[in-house]
Amino acid sequence: MSRPMDNSQGFEDVYRRTYLPVLRFLRRRLPSTAAEDAAAEVFLVAWRNRHELRGKELPWLYGIARRVAANTVRSSDRAGRLDSIRAHHDGGTAPAAEDAVLYRLGAQGVLDRLPAQEQEVLLLVAWDGLSVRDAARVLGCSAGAFRVRMHRARRMLEAAVAADEMQISEVGLPVDGRTR
């Protein structure tokens, strides 16, 4: 039985369907220029390992992308690793549209205060739209372990949002359309 990526046409079809989601996934973790290079590497690794695919293509590709991004971060000479890589270091490039939206909503500031592992869990489900099972596959853990991580991440996020609301109310600014 032929699988979707067993031949070059099948691989090309998967590439066309999944390139943009993989690139967006990488752009949230790397500068735009590095994300494009990393996306190319993801599909190179996917082609070489296409016979290892089990299940859905996108979670499998996200797992590869996660490892490629981690390797990019590790090879970086910058201090602060992931935080400095995610910063817009060259000043001349505009942030990706989704980054601009997150900053405007204040969500990025709250997410940045969470540990990287908790950020990853929340983004896989809320931003990438993966099921618990698929997100667990990306992280290489069981669905049960992922649920525990997600519960912990949600608690941390709630605490960070509550702390933000408390700071805002202390200076008398409205929160959710009301003053406190």
N, C-alpha and C. Protein backbone atom coordinates (compact mmCIF):
# COMPACT_ATOMS: atom_id res chain seq x y z
N MET A 1 0.84 -1.18 0.00
CA MET A 1 0.00 0.00 0.00
C MET A 1 0.89 1.25 0.00
N SER A 2 0.59 2.16 -0.87
CA SER A 2 1.39 3.38 -1.00
C SER A 2 0.97 4.41 0.03
N ARG A 3 1.95 5.05 0.65
CA ARG A 3 1.68 6.11 1.61
C ARG A 3 1.89 7.45 0.93
N PRO A 4 1.37 8.54 1.52
CA PRO A 4 1.40 9.85 0.85
C PRO A 4 2.79 10.34 0.47
N MET A 5 3.81 9.95 1.20
CA MET A 5 5.13 10.52 0.93
C MET A 5 6.11 9.50 0.35
N ASP A 6 5.60 8.38 -0.16
CA ASP A 6 6.48 7.35 -0.71
C ASP A 6 7.13 7.74 -2.03
N ASN A 7 6.52 8.66 -2.76
CA ASN A 7 7.09 9.07 -4.04
C ASN A 7 7.19 10.59 -4.09
N SER A 8 7.88 11.10 -5.09
CA SER A 8 8.12 12.54 -5.15
C SER A 8 6.84 13.33 -5.32
N GLN A 9 5.85 12.80 -6.07
CA GLN A 9 4.59 13.53 -6.24
C GLN A 9 3.83 13.61 -4.92
N GLY A 10 3.78 12.50 -4.20
CA GLY A 10 3.11 12.50 -2.90
C GLY A 10 3.78 13.44 -1.92
N PHE A 11 5.11 13.43 -1.93
CA PHE A 11 5.85 14.32 -1.04
C PHE A 11 5.58 15.78 -1.41
N GLU A 12 5.54 16.07 -2.70
CA GLU A 12 5.27 17.43 -3.15
C GLU A 12 3.88 17.89 -2.71
N ASP A 13 2.90 16.99 -2.77
CA ASP A 13 1.55 17.32 -2.31
C ASP A 13 1.54 17.65 -0.81
N VAL A 14 2.24 16.84 -0.03
CA VAL A 14 2.33 17.10 1.41
C VAL A 14 3.05 18.42 1.65
N TYR A 15 4.12 18.67 0.92
CA TYR A 15 4.87 19.92 1.04
C TYR A 15 3.97 21.12 0.79
N ARG A 16 3.21 21.08 -0.28
CA ARG A 16 2.32 22.20 -0.62
C ARG A 16 1.28 22.44 0.46
N ARG A 17 0.76 21.38 1.05
CA ARG A 17 -0.27 21.51 2.09
C ARG A 17 0.29 21.97 3.42
N THR A 18 1.54 21.62 3.71
CA THR A 18 2.04 21.83 5.07
C THR A 18 3.14 22.88 5.20
N TYR A 19 3.65 23.40 4.10
CA TYR A 19 4.78 24.34 4.18
C TYR A 19 4.43 25.56 5.03
N LEU A 20 3.31 26.22 4.75
CA LEU A 20 2.98 27.44 5.50
C LEU A 20 2.76 27.18 6.99
N PRO A 21 2.02 26.13 7.38
CA PRO A 21 1.92 25.87 8.83
C PRO A 21 3.28 25.60 9.48
N VAL A 22 4.15 24.88 8.79
CA VAL A 22 5.49 24.60 9.34
C VAL A 22 6.29 25.90 9.45
N LEU A 23 6.22 26.75 8.42
CA LEU A 23 6.93 28.02 8.46
C LEU A 23 6.41 28.91 9.59
N ARG A 24 5.10 28.98 9.79
CA ARG A 24 4.54 29.77 10.90
C ARG A 24 5.01 29.22 12.24
N PHE A 25 5.02 27.89 12.37
CA PHE A 25 5.51 27.23 13.58
C PHE A 25 6.94 27.68 13.87
N LEU A 26 7.78 27.69 12.85
CA LEU A 26 9.19 28.07 13.02
C LEU A 26 9.35 29.57 13.26
N ARG A 27 8.53 30.39 12.64
CA ARG A 27 8.63 31.85 12.84
C ARG A 27 8.33 32.27 14.26
N ARG A 28 7.54 31.48 14.97
CA ARG A 28 7.27 31.81 16.37
C ARG A 28 8.45 31.45 17.26
N ARG A 29 9.39 30.70 16.72
CA ARG A 29 10.53 30.25 17.51
C ARG A 29 11.86 30.83 17.06
N LEU A 30 11.91 31.36 15.85
CA LEU A 30 13.15 31.85 15.25
C LEU A 30 12.90 33.15 14.51
N PRO A 31 13.96 33.93 14.25
CA PRO A 31 13.79 35.11 13.39
C PRO A 31 13.33 34.67 11.99
N SER A 32 12.64 35.54 11.28
CA SER A 32 12.07 35.19 9.97
C SER A 32 13.10 34.60 9.01
N THR A 33 14.29 35.20 8.94
CA THR A 33 15.30 34.69 8.00
C THR A 33 15.76 33.29 8.39
N ALA A 34 15.92 33.04 9.66
CA ALA A 34 16.31 31.70 10.12
C ALA A 34 15.17 30.72 9.96
N ALA A 35 13.94 31.18 10.11
CA ALA A 35 12.78 30.30 9.98
C ALA A 35 12.67 29.73 8.58
N GLU A 36 12.94 30.53 7.58
CA GLU A 36 12.85 30.05 6.20
C GLU A 36 13.92 28.98 5.93
N ASP A 37 15.13 29.21 6.41
CA ASP A 37 16.18 28.20 6.26
C ASP A 37 15.81 26.93 7.02
N ALA A 38 15.27 27.11 8.21
CA ALA A 38 14.89 25.96 9.03
C ALA A 38 13.77 25.17 8.36
N ALA A 39 12.82 25.86 7.72
CA ALA A 39 11.73 25.16 7.02
C ALA A 39 12.29 24.28 5.90
N ALA A 40 13.26 24.82 5.17
CA ALA A 40 13.90 24.02 4.12
C ALA A 40 14.55 22.78 4.72
N GLU A 41 15.21 22.95 5.85
CA GLU A 41 15.85 21.82 6.51
C GLU A 41 14.83 20.79 7.00
N VAL A 42 13.68 21.27 7.50
CA VAL A 42 12.63 20.37 7.96
C VAL A 42 12.20 19.43 6.83
N PHE A 43 11.98 20.01 5.65
CA PHE A 43 11.51 19.18 4.55
C PHE A 43 12.61 18.29 3.98
N LEU A 44 13.84 18.71 4.11
CA LEU A 44 14.96 17.85 3.72
C LEU A 44 15.02 16.63 4.64
N VAL A 45 14.92 16.88 5.94
CA VAL A 45 14.91 15.77 6.92
C VAL A 45 13.69 14.88 6.69
N ALA A 46 12.55 15.51 6.42
CA ALA A 46 11.33 14.73 6.18
C ALA A 46 11.48 13.83 4.95
N TRP A 47 12.08 14.35 3.90
CA TRP A 47 12.28 13.54 2.70
C TRP A 47 13.19 12.35 3.00
N ARG A 48 14.27 12.63 3.71
CA ARG A 48 15.21 11.55 4.04
C ARG A 48 14.59 10.48 4.93
N ASN A 49 13.66 10.90 5.80
CA ASN A 49 13.06 9.98 6.77
C ASN A 49 11.60 9.68 6.47
N ARG A 50 11.17 9.88 5.25
CA ARG A 50 9.75 9.76 4.90
C ARG A 50 9.18 8.38 5.20
N HIS A 51 9.99 7.36 5.24
CA HIS A 51 9.50 6.02 5.52
C HIS A 51 9.22 5.80 7.01
N GLU A 52 9.63 6.76 7.85
CA GLU A 52 9.37 6.66 9.28
C GLU A 52 8.03 7.28 9.68
N LEU A 53 7.36 7.93 8.72
CA LEU A 53 6.08 8.60 9.01
C LEU A 53 5.04 7.58 9.48
N ARG A 54 4.46 7.85 10.62
CA ARG A 54 3.34 7.07 11.15
C ARG A 54 2.28 8.08 11.55
N GLY A 55 1.09 7.94 11.04
CA GLY A 55 0.02 8.87 11.41
C GLY A 55 -0.01 10.09 10.52
N LYS A 56 -0.46 11.20 11.08
CA LYS A 56 -0.64 12.44 10.33
C LYS A 56 0.70 13.10 10.01
N GLU A 57 0.74 13.77 8.86
CA GLU A 57 1.98 14.40 8.43
C GLU A 57 2.34 15.63 9.27
N LEU A 58 1.35 16.51 9.55
CA LEU A 58 1.67 17.79 10.20
C LEU A 58 2.27 17.62 11.59
N PRO A 59 1.72 16.82 12.48
CA PRO A 59 2.38 16.65 13.79
C PRO A 59 3.79 16.07 13.65
N TRP A 60 3.97 15.16 12.70
CA TRP A 60 5.29 14.59 12.46
C TRP A 60 6.25 15.68 12.01
N LEU A 61 5.80 16.54 11.09
CA LEU A 61 6.64 17.64 10.62
C LEU A 61 6.92 18.65 11.73
N TYR A 62 5.93 18.92 12.59
CA TYR A 62 6.16 19.81 13.73
C TYR A 62 7.23 19.24 14.66
N GLY A 63 7.21 17.94 14.84
CA GLY A 63 8.25 17.31 15.67
C GLY A 63 9.63 17.52 15.07
N ILE A 64 9.74 17.37 13.76
CA ILE A 64 11.01 17.62 13.09
C ILE A 64 11.37 19.09 13.23
N ALA A 65 10.39 19.98 13.00
CA ALA A 65 10.63 21.43 13.08
C ALA A 65 11.08 21.83 14.48
N ARG A 66 10.51 21.23 15.47
CA ARG A 66 10.90 21.53 16.85
C ARG A 66 12.36 21.20 17.08
N ARG A 67 12.81 20.05 16.56
CA ARG A 67 14.21 19.66 16.72
C ARG A 67 15.14 20.55 15.89
N VAL A 68 14.71 20.91 14.68
CA VAL A 68 15.52 21.81 13.84
C VAL A 68 15.64 23.17 14.53
N ALA A 69 14.56 23.69 15.07
CA ALA A 69 14.61 24.99 15.77
C ALA A 69 15.53 24.89 16.99
N ALA A 70 15.44 23.80 17.72
CA ALA A 70 16.30 23.62 18.90
C ALA A 70 17.77 23.59 18.49
N ASN A 71 18.07 22.92 17.39
CA ASN A 71 19.45 22.89 16.90
C ASN A 71 19.91 24.27 16.48
N THR A 72 19.03 25.04 15.86
CA THR A 72 19.37 26.41 15.46
C THR A 72 19.66 27.27 16.69
N VAL A 73 18.85 27.11 17.71
CA VAL A 73 19.04 27.87 18.95
C VAL A 73 20.37 27.48 19.60
N ARG A 74 20.63 26.16 19.67
CA ARG A 74 21.86 25.70 20.30
C ARG A 74 23.10 26.21 19.57
N SER A 75 23.01 26.30 18.25
CA SER A 75 24.19 26.71 17.49
C SER A 75 24.39 28.22 17.52
N SER A 76 23.44 28.93 18.03
CA SER A 76 23.55 30.39 18.11
C SER A 76 24.55 30.79 19.20
N ASP A 77 25.32 31.85 18.92
CA ASP A 77 26.29 32.33 19.89
C ASP A 77 25.71 33.37 20.83
N ARG A 78 24.48 33.72 20.66
CA ARG A 78 23.90 34.81 21.44
C ARG A 78 23.55 34.39 22.86
N ALA A 79 23.67 35.34 23.76
CA ALA A 79 23.28 35.10 25.15
C ALA A 79 21.76 35.09 25.23
N GLY A 80 21.26 34.35 26.14
CA GLY A 80 19.82 34.30 26.33
C GLY A 80 19.12 33.35 25.38
N ARG A 81 19.85 32.73 24.50
CA ARG A 81 19.38 31.75 23.54
C ARG A 81 18.03 32.06 22.95
N LEU A 82 16.98 31.35 23.34
CA LEU A 82 15.70 31.46 22.67
C LEU A 82 15.13 32.88 22.73
N ASP A 83 15.26 33.55 23.88
CA ASP A 83 14.72 34.90 23.99
C ASP A 83 15.40 35.86 23.04
N SER A 84 16.71 35.78 22.93
CA SER A 84 17.41 36.70 22.04
C SER A 84 17.18 36.35 20.58
N ILE A 85 17.00 35.09 20.28
CA ILE A 85 16.73 34.71 18.90
C ILE A 85 15.34 35.20 18.50
N ARG A 86 14.39 35.14 19.40
CA ARG A 86 13.04 35.57 19.08
C ARG A 86 12.94 37.09 18.98
N ALA A 87 13.87 37.80 19.55
CA ALA A 87 13.85 39.26 19.46
C ALA A 87 14.15 39.68 18.03
N HIS A 88 13.64 40.79 17.63
CA HIS A 88 13.87 41.30 16.28
C HIS A 88 15.17 42.09 16.31
N HIS A 89 16.26 41.34 16.07
CA HIS A 89 17.60 41.84 16.32
C HIS A 89 18.14 42.78 15.25
N ASP A 90 17.61 42.76 14.05
CA ASP A 90 18.24 43.61 13.04
C ASP A 90 17.51 44.92 12.81
N GLY A 91 16.45 45.18 13.48
CA GLY A 91 15.76 46.46 13.43
C GLY A 91 15.17 46.82 12.09
N GLY A 92 15.71 46.29 11.00
CA GLY A 92 15.22 46.64 9.68
C GLY A 92 14.08 45.78 9.19
N THR A 93 13.82 44.68 9.85
CA THR A 93 12.76 43.80 9.39
C THR A 93 11.52 43.98 10.26
N ALA A 94 10.40 43.91 9.61
CA ALA A 94 9.14 44.01 10.33
C ALA A 94 8.85 42.66 10.99
N PRO A 95 8.23 42.66 12.17
CA PRO A 95 7.89 41.39 12.79
C PRO A 95 6.83 40.67 11.96
N ALA A 96 6.79 39.36 12.09
CA ALA A 96 5.76 38.60 11.40
C ALA A 96 4.39 39.07 11.89
N ALA A 97 3.39 38.98 11.03
CA ALA A 97 2.05 39.49 11.36
C ALA A 97 1.52 38.89 12.64
N GLU A 98 1.70 37.58 12.82
CA GLU A 98 1.17 36.96 14.03
C GLU A 98 1.88 37.46 15.29
N ASP A 99 3.19 37.79 15.18
CA ASP A 99 3.91 38.37 16.32
C ASP A 99 3.35 39.74 16.66
N ALA A 100 3.07 40.54 15.65
CA ALA A 100 2.51 41.87 15.88
C ALA A 100 1.16 41.79 16.58
N VAL A 101 0.33 40.84 16.18
CA VAL A 101 -0.98 40.68 16.81
C VAL A 101 -0.81 40.28 18.27
N LEU A 102 0.09 39.32 18.53
CA LEU A 102 0.30 38.88 19.91
C LEU A 102 0.78 40.03 20.79
N TYR A 103 1.70 40.84 20.26
CA TYR A 103 2.18 41.97 21.06
C TYR A 103 1.06 42.96 21.33
N ARG A 104 0.25 43.22 20.31
CA ARG A 104 -0.85 44.16 20.50
C ARG A 104 -1.82 43.68 21.56
N LEU A 105 -2.08 42.42 21.59
CA LEU A 105 -3.02 41.89 22.57
C LEU A 105 -2.39 41.73 23.95
N GLY A 106 -1.10 41.90 24.03
CA GLY A 106 -0.41 41.75 25.31
C GLY A 106 -0.13 40.30 25.66
N ALA A 107 -0.54 39.40 24.79
CA ALA A 107 -0.36 37.98 25.08
C ALA A 107 1.11 37.60 25.07
N GLN A 108 1.89 38.19 24.18
CA GLN A 108 3.29 37.82 24.10
C GLN A 108 4.02 38.13 25.39
N GLY A 109 3.69 39.28 26.00
CA GLY A 109 4.32 39.63 27.26
C GLY A 109 4.04 38.62 28.35
N VAL A 110 2.80 38.16 28.40
CA VAL A 110 2.43 37.15 29.40
C VAL A 110 3.11 35.82 29.07
N LEU A 111 3.08 35.43 27.81
CA LEU A 111 3.72 34.17 27.42
C LEU A 111 5.22 34.19 27.69
N ASP A 112 5.85 35.33 27.46
CA ASP A 112 7.30 35.43 27.67
C ASP A 112 7.70 35.19 29.13
N ARG A 113 6.78 35.41 30.05
CA ARG A 113 7.09 35.19 31.46
C ARG A 113 6.98 33.71 31.85
N LEU A 114 6.40 32.90 30.98
CA LEU A 114 6.29 31.47 31.26
C LEU A 114 7.57 30.76 30.81
N PRO A 115 7.90 29.66 31.47
CA PRO A 115 9.04 28.87 31.00
C PRO A 115 8.80 28.37 29.58
N ALA A 116 9.86 28.13 28.85
CA ALA A 116 9.77 27.74 27.44
C ALA A 116 8.92 26.49 27.24
N GLN A 117 9.03 25.52 28.14
CA GLN A 117 8.25 24.28 27.98
C GLN A 117 6.75 24.54 28.07
N GLU A 118 6.35 25.41 28.98
CA GLU A 118 4.93 25.73 29.13
C GLU A 118 4.43 26.54 27.94
N GLN A 119 5.28 27.45 27.42
CA GLN A 119 4.91 28.19 26.22
C GLN A 119 4.63 27.22 25.08
N GLU A 120 5.53 26.26 24.92
CA GLU A 120 5.41 25.29 23.83
C GLU A 120 4.10 24.52 23.92
N VAL A 121 3.75 24.06 25.10
CA VAL A 121 2.52 23.29 25.29
C VAL A 121 1.31 24.13 24.89
N LEU A 122 1.25 25.36 25.39
CA LEU A 122 0.11 26.22 25.09
C LEU A 122 0.03 26.56 23.61
N LEU A 123 1.16 26.85 22.99
CA LEU A 123 1.15 27.22 21.58
C LEU A 123 0.77 26.06 20.67
N LEU A 124 1.19 24.86 21.00
CA LEU A 124 0.84 23.71 20.17
C LEU A 124 -0.67 23.50 20.11
N VAL A 125 -1.34 23.71 21.23
CA VAL A 125 -2.79 23.49 21.27
C VAL A 125 -3.55 24.74 20.83
N ALA A 126 -3.22 25.88 21.41
CA ALA A 126 -4.00 27.09 21.14
C ALA A 126 -3.67 27.73 19.81
N TRP A 127 -2.41 27.75 19.44
CA TRP A 127 -2.02 28.45 18.22
C TRP A 127 -1.97 27.52 17.02
N ASP A 128 -1.34 26.37 17.19
CA ASP A 128 -1.19 25.43 16.08
C ASP A 128 -2.43 24.57 15.90
N GLY A 129 -3.33 24.57 16.89
CA GLY A 129 -4.60 23.85 16.77
C GLY A 129 -4.48 22.34 16.80
N LEU A 130 -3.44 21.83 17.43
CA LEU A 130 -3.26 20.38 17.49
C LEU A 130 -4.11 19.78 18.61
N SER A 131 -4.50 18.55 18.40
CA SER A 131 -5.18 17.81 19.46
C SER A 131 -4.14 17.46 20.52
N VAL A 132 -4.61 17.04 21.68
CA VAL A 132 -3.70 16.63 22.75
C VAL A 132 -2.81 15.49 22.25
N ARG A 133 -3.38 14.55 21.56
CA ARG A 133 -2.63 13.39 21.06
C ARG A 133 -1.54 13.82 20.08
N ASP A 134 -1.90 14.70 19.13
CA ASP A 134 -0.92 15.15 18.14
C ASP A 134 0.15 16.03 18.78
N ALA A 135 -0.23 16.89 19.71
CA ALA A 135 0.74 17.74 20.38
C ALA A 135 1.70 16.89 21.22
N ALA A 136 1.18 15.86 21.85
CA ALA A 136 2.04 14.95 22.62
C ALA A 136 3.05 14.28 21.71
N ARG A 137 2.62 13.94 20.52
CA ARG A 137 3.53 13.32 19.56
C ARG A 137 4.65 14.28 19.18
N VAL A 138 4.30 15.56 19.00
CA VAL A 138 5.32 16.56 18.66
C VAL A 138 6.37 16.62 19.76
N LEU A 139 5.93 16.58 21.01
CA LEU A 139 6.85 16.69 22.14
C LEU A 139 7.49 15.35 22.52
N GLY A 140 7.03 14.28 21.92
CA GLY A 140 7.61 12.98 22.20
C GLY A 140 7.22 12.43 23.56
N CYS A 141 5.99 12.70 23.98
CA CYS A 141 5.52 12.18 25.27
C CYS A 141 4.14 11.56 25.08
N SER A 142 3.63 10.94 26.13
CA SER A 142 2.29 10.34 26.05
C SER A 142 1.23 11.44 26.16
N ALA A 143 0.02 11.11 25.73
CA ALA A 143 -1.09 12.07 25.83
C ALA A 143 -1.35 12.42 27.29
N GLY A 144 -1.23 11.44 28.17
CA GLY A 144 -1.44 11.71 29.60
C GLY A 144 -0.41 12.68 30.15
N ALA A 145 0.85 12.49 29.79
CA ALA A 145 1.89 13.40 30.25
C ALA A 145 1.66 14.80 29.67
N PHE A 146 1.21 14.85 28.42
CA PHE A 146 0.94 16.15 27.81
C PHE A 146 -0.19 16.86 28.54
N ARG A 147 -1.24 16.12 28.91
CA ARG A 147 -2.36 16.73 29.65
C ARG A 147 -1.88 17.33 30.97
N VAL A 148 -0.98 16.64 31.65
CA VAL A 148 -0.43 17.16 32.90
C VAL A 148 0.35 18.45 32.63
N ARG A 149 1.17 18.43 31.59
CA ARG A 149 1.93 19.63 31.23
C ARG A 149 1.00 20.78 30.86
N MET A 150 -0.08 20.47 30.12
CA MET A 150 -1.01 21.51 29.72
C MET A 150 -1.73 22.10 30.93
N HIS A 151 -2.11 21.25 31.87
CA HIS A 151 -2.76 21.73 33.08
C HIS A 151 -1.83 22.67 33.84
N ARG A 152 -0.57 22.28 33.98
CA ARG A 152 0.42 23.11 34.66
C ARG A 152 0.62 24.44 33.92
N ALA A 153 0.72 24.36 32.60
CA ALA A 153 0.93 25.58 31.80
C ALA A 153 -0.26 26.52 31.91
N ARG A 154 -1.47 25.98 31.91
CA ARG A 154 -2.67 26.82 32.04
C ARG A 154 -2.71 27.51 33.40
N ARG A 155 -2.34 26.78 34.45
CA ARG A 155 -2.30 27.40 35.79
C ARG A 155 -1.30 28.54 35.82
N MET A 156 -0.13 28.32 35.23
CA MET A 156 0.89 29.37 35.20
C MET A 156 0.41 30.57 34.38
N LEU A 157 -0.26 30.31 33.27
CA LEU A 157 -0.78 31.38 32.43
C LEU A 157 -1.85 32.18 33.18
N GLU A 158 -2.75 31.49 33.87
CA GLU A 158 -3.78 32.17 34.65
C GLU A 158 -3.15 33.06 35.72
N ALA A 159 -2.11 32.56 36.37
CA ALA A 159 -1.44 33.36 37.40
C ALA A 159 -0.77 34.59 36.79
N ALA A 160 -0.16 34.44 35.62
CA ALA A 160 0.49 35.57 34.96
C ALA A 160 -0.53 36.61 34.52
N VAL A 161 -1.67 36.16 34.00
CA VAL A 161 -2.73 37.10 33.58
C VAL A 161 -3.28 37.82 34.81
N ALA A 162 -3.50 37.09 35.89
CA ALA A 162 -4.01 37.71 37.12
C ALA A 162 -3.03 38.76 37.65
N ALA A 163 -1.75 38.47 37.57
CA ALA A 163 -0.74 39.43 38.02
C ALA A 163 -0.77 40.68 37.14
N ASP A 164 -0.95 40.51 35.84
CA ASP A 164 -1.06 41.66 34.94
C ASP A 164 -2.28 42.50 35.27
N GLU A 165 -3.40 41.85 35.50
CA GLU A 165 -4.63 42.58 35.83
C GLU A 165 -4.48 43.34 37.13
N MET A 166 -3.77 42.75 38.10
CA MET A 166 -3.57 43.42 39.38
C MET A 166 -2.71 44.67 39.19
N GLN A 167 -1.66 44.57 38.39
CA GLN A 167 -0.80 45.73 38.12
C GLN A 167 -1.59 46.83 37.42
N ILE A 168 -2.43 46.47 36.47
CA ILE A 168 -3.21 47.45 35.74
C ILE A 168 -4.21 48.13 36.67
N SER A 169 -4.87 47.36 37.53
CA SER A 169 -5.87 47.93 38.42
C SER A 169 -5.22 48.85 39.47
N GLU A 170 -3.97 48.57 39.83
CA GLU A 170 -3.28 49.41 40.81
C GLU A 170 -3.03 50.81 40.30
N VAL A 171 -2.91 50.97 38.97
CA VAL A 171 -2.71 52.30 38.41
C VAL A 171 -4.02 52.90 37.91
N GLY A 172 -5.15 52.19 38.12
CA GLY A 172 -6.46 52.73 37.80
C GLY A 172 -6.88 52.61 36.35
N LEU A 173 -6.21 51.78 35.58
CA LEU A 173 -6.59 51.60 34.18
C LEU A 173 -7.71 50.55 34.10
N PRO A 174 -8.59 50.66 33.12
CA PRO A 174 -9.67 49.67 33.00
C PRO A 174 -9.14 48.31 32.57
N VAL A 175 -9.74 47.28 33.12
CA VAL A 175 -9.45 45.91 32.74
C VAL A 175 -10.75 45.33 32.22
N ASP A 176 -10.76 44.82 31.01
CA ASP A 176 -11.96 44.26 30.39
C ASP A 176 -13.10 45.26 30.40
N GLY A 177 -12.81 46.53 30.15
CA GLY A 177 -13.84 47.54 30.03
C GLY A 177 -14.36 48.07 31.36
N ARG A 178 -13.77 47.69 32.46
CA ARG A 178 -14.25 48.20 33.76
C ARG A 178 -13.06 48.60 34.62
N THR A 179 -13.27 49.50 35.51
CA THR A 179 -12.20 49.88 36.44
C THR A 179 -12.41 49.10 37.73
N ARG A 180 -11.30 48.95 38.42
CA ARG A 180 -11.39 48.20 39.68
C ARG A 180 -11.06 49.08 40.83
